[in-house]
Amino acid sequence: MNDIKNLTNLLVKFRDDRNWRQFHTPENLAKSVVLEASELLENFQWGDSKDLENISDEIADVFGYLLLMCEHYDLDIIEISKKKMEQNKMKYPIDKAYGVSTKYNKL
């Protein structure tokens, strides 16, 4: 079994052992991703943070909620990420996007 599946299983067990599935609606999971991402961003509010422990904790929280969302919809986070990378290759061809941060529709 792969690491992503193992981690998802740990998250689901943690959730289910506490009877929290009822709170993990797609809407609440999406809100939680944004809230945890905001806590990650807070590390950089006044400069480059050196608190790698807190940065790691917040990254783990964001990733955990994303995995629970994928579990809810039976999505494979690796596969959907690969698909998105292929889409991005089309949107951002190297010859137009190299070294610039312009949005794809403005290239």
C-alpha atoms as a PDB file:
ATOM      1  CA  MET A   1       0.000   0.000   0.000  1.00  0.00           C
ATOM      2  CA  ASN A   2       1.394   3.427  -0.853  1.00  0.00           C
ATOM      3  CA  ASP A   3       2.273   6.195   1.601  1.00  0.00           C
ATOM      4  CA  ILE A   4      -0.623   8.458   0.537  1.00  0.00           C
ATOM      5  CA  LYS A   5      -3.147   5.669   1.086  1.00  0.00           C
ATOM      6  CA  ASN A   6      -1.577   4.821   4.457  1.00  0.00           C
ATOM      7  CA  LEU A   7      -1.729   8.447   5.555  1.00  0.00           C
ATOM      8  CA  THR A   8      -5.334   8.768   4.374  1.00  0.00           C
ATOM      9  CA  ASN A   9      -6.223   5.639   6.341  1.00  0.00           C
ATOM     10  CA  LEU A  10      -4.608   7.126   9.481  1.00  0.00           C
ATOM     11  CA  LEU A  11      -6.560  10.370   9.030  1.00  0.00           C
ATOM     12  CA  VAL A  12      -9.839   8.511   8.472  1.00  0.00           C
ATOM     13  CA  LYS A  13      -9.257   6.317  11.534  1.00  0.00           C
ATOM     14  CA  PHE A  14      -8.438   9.374  13.659  1.00  0.00           C
ATOM     15  CA  ARG A  15     -11.601  11.088  12.407  1.00  0.00           C
ATOM     16  CA  ASP A  16     -13.852   8.058  12.761  1.00  0.00           C
ATOM     17  CA  ASP A  17     -12.545   7.150  16.243  1.00  0.00           C
ATOM     18  CA  ARG A  18     -13.824  10.561  17.349  1.00  0.00           C
ATOM     19  CA  ASN A  19     -17.104  10.453  15.381  1.00  0.00           C
ATOM     20  CA  TRP A  20     -16.097  13.570  13.434  1.00  0.00           C
ATOM     21  CA  ARG A  21     -17.212  12.411   9.988  1.00  0.00           C
ATOM     22  CA  GLN A  22     -20.449  14.300  10.580  1.00  0.00           C
ATOM     23  CA  PHE A  23     -18.445  17.554  10.675  1.00  0.00           C
ATOM     24  CA  HIS A  24     -16.253  16.775   7.672  1.00  0.00           C
ATOM     25  CA  THR A  25     -18.594  17.915   4.938  1.00  0.00           C
ATOM     26  CA  PRO A  26     -16.950  19.060   1.692  1.00  0.00           C
ATOM     27  CA  GLU A  27     -17.795  22.659   2.611  1.00  0.00           C
ATOM     28  CA  ASN A  28     -16.217  22.357   6.070  1.00  0.00           C
ATOM     29  CA  LEU A  29     -13.154  20.599   4.678  1.00  0.00           C
ATOM     30  CA  ALA A  30     -12.698  23.349   2.075  1.00  0.00           C
ATOM     31  CA  LYS A  31     -13.040  26.000   4.787  1.00  0.00           C
ATOM     32  CA  SER A  32     -10.477  24.153   6.886  1.00  0.00           C
ATOM     33  CA  VAL A  33      -7.998  24.081   3.986  1.00  0.00           C
ATOM     34  CA  VAL A  34      -8.287  27.864   3.659  1.00  0.00           C
ATOM     35  CA  LEU A  35      -8.035  28.462   7.412  1.00  0.00           C
ATOM     36  CA  GLU A  36      -4.973  26.253   7.776  1.00  0.00           C
ATOM     37  CA  ALA A  37      -3.370  27.800   4.686  1.00  0.00           C
ATOM     38  CA  SER A  38      -3.921  31.196   6.316  1.00  0.00           C
ATOM     39  CA  GLU A  39      -2.141  29.945   9.427  1.00  0.00           C
ATOM     40  CA  LEU A  40       0.729  28.837   7.194  1.00  0.00           C
ATOM     41  CA  LEU A  41       0.819  32.271   5.554  1.00  0.00           C
ATOM     42  CA  GLU A  42       0.902  33.915   8.970  1.00  0.00           C
ATOM     43  CA  ASN A  43       4.453  32.572   9.338  1.00  0.00           C
ATOM     44  CA  PHE A  44       5.511  35.013   6.635  1.00  0.00           C
ATOM     45  CA  GLN A  45       3.414  38.033   7.612  1.00  0.00           C
ATOM     46  CA  TRP A  46       6.370  40.146   8.759  1.00  0.00           C
ATOM     47  CA  GLY A  47       9.211  38.445   6.903  1.00  0.00           C
ATOM     48  CA  ASP A  48      10.674  35.039   6.301  1.00  0.00           C
ATOM     49  CA  SER A  49       9.859  32.775   9.240  1.00  0.00           C
ATOM     50  CA  LYS A  50      12.453  30.477  10.735  1.00  0.00           C
ATOM     51  CA  ASP A  51       9.857  28.503  12.720  1.00  0.00           C
ATOM     52  CA  LEU A  52      10.088  25.308  10.689  1.00  0.00           C
ATOM     53  CA  GLU A  53       8.146  23.359  13.300  1.00  0.00           C
ATOM     54  CA  ASN A  54       5.097  25.593  12.913  1.00  0.00           C
ATOM     55  CA  ILE A  55       5.479  25.736   9.128  1.00  0.00           C
ATOM     56  CA  SER A  56       5.605  21.924   9.060  1.00  0.00           C
ATOM     57  CA  ASP A  57       2.537  21.656  11.296  1.00  0.00           C
ATOM     58  CA  GLU A  58       0.508  23.968   9.073  1.00  0.00           C
ATOM     59  CA  ILE A  59       1.586  22.203   5.874  1.00  0.00           C
ATOM     60  CA  ALA A  60       0.532  18.903   7.461  1.00  0.00           C
ATOM     61  CA  ASP A  61      -2.853  20.368   8.427  1.00  0.00           C
ATOM     62  CA  VAL A  62      -3.514  21.651   4.887  1.00  0.00           C
ATOM     63  CA  PHE A  63      -2.433  18.348   3.344  1.00  0.00           C
ATOM     64  CA  GLY A  64      -4.520  16.340   5.803  1.00  0.00           C
ATOM     65  CA  TYR A  65      -7.688  18.242   4.964  1.00  0.00           C
ATOM     66  CA  LEU A  66      -6.971  17.861   1.245  1.00  0.00           C
ATOM     67  CA  LEU A  67      -6.581  14.105   1.693  1.00  0.00           C
ATOM     68  CA  LEU A  68      -9.870  13.934   3.591  1.00  0.00           C
ATOM     69  CA  MET A  69     -11.566  15.848   0.766  1.00  0.00           C
ATOM     70  CA  CYS A  70     -10.106  13.385  -1.733  1.00  0.00           C
ATOM     71  CA  GLU A  71     -11.296  10.486   0.422  1.00  0.00           C
ATOM     72  CA  HIS A  72     -14.804  11.972   0.485  1.00  0.00           C
ATOM     73  CA  TYR A  73     -14.960  12.180  -3.321  1.00  0.00           C
ATOM     74  CA  ASP A  74     -12.896   9.019  -3.948  1.00  0.00           C
ATOM     75  CA  LEU A  75     -10.195  11.018  -5.753  1.00  0.00           C
ATOM     76  CA  ASP A  76      -6.549  10.022  -6.050  1.00  0.00           C
ATOM     77  CA  ILE A  77      -4.513  13.105  -5.136  1.00  0.00           C
ATOM     78  CA  ILE A  78      -1.500  11.867  -7.111  1.00  0.00           C
ATOM     79  CA  GLU A  79      -3.508  11.233 -10.277  1.00  0.00           C
ATOM     80  CA  ILE A  80      -5.440  14.493 -10.164  1.00  0.00           C
ATOM     81  CA  SER A  81      -2.190  16.384  -9.531  1.00  0.00           C
ATOM     82  CA  LYS A  82      -0.542  14.723 -12.538  1.00  0.00           C
ATOM     83  CA  LYS A  83      -3.571  15.578 -14.684  1.00  0.00           C
ATOM     84  CA  LYS A  84      -3.392  19.196 -13.543  1.00  0.00           C
ATOM     85  CA  MET A  85       0.330  19.343 -14.407  1.00  0.00           C
ATOM     86  CA  GLU A  86      -0.475  18.176 -17.936  1.00  0.00           C
ATOM     87  CA  GLN A  87      -3.109  20.914 -18.215  1.00  0.00           C
ATOM     88  CA  ASN A  88      -0.591  23.473 -16.935  1.00  0.00           C
ATOM     89  CA  LYS A  89       1.968  22.367 -19.532  1.00  0.00           C
ATOM     90  CA  MET A  90      -0.565  23.310 -22.206  1.00  0.00           C
ATOM     91  CA  LYS A  91      -1.451  26.626 -20.552  1.00  0.00           C
ATOM     92  CA  TYR A  92       2.156  27.598 -19.897  1.00  0.00           C
ATOM     93  CA  PRO A  93       4.375  26.473 -22.792  1.00  0.00           C
ATOM     94  CA  ILE A  94       8.057  26.927 -21.997  1.00  0.00           C
ATOM     95  CA  ASP A  95       8.685  29.232 -24.943  1.00  0.00           C
ATOM     96  CA  LYS A  96       6.054  31.714 -23.650  1.00  0.00           C
ATOM     97  CA  ALA A  97       6.225  31.226 -19.891  1.00  0.00           C
ATOM     98  CA  TYR A  98       9.967  30.887 -19.269  1.00  0.00           C
ATOM     99  CA  GLY A  99      11.047  33.337 -16.576  1.00  0.00           C
ATOM    100  CA  VAL A 100       7.760  35.252 -16.401  1.00  0.00           C
ATOM    101  CA  SER A 101       4.854  35.089 -13.948  1.00  0.00           C
ATOM    102  CA  THR A 102       2.209  36.216 -16.414  1.00  0.00           C
ATOM    103  CA  LYS A 103      -1.115  34.399 -16.220  1.00  0.00           C
ATOM    104  CA  TYR A 104      -1.697  31.937 -19.065  1.00  0.00           C
ATOM    105  CA  ASN A 105      -4.442  34.013 -20.705  1.00  0.00           C
ATOM    106  CA  LYS A 106      -2.077  36.985 -20.962  1.00  0.00           C
ATOM    107  CA  LEU A 107       0.927  35.169 -22.479  1.00  0.00           C
END
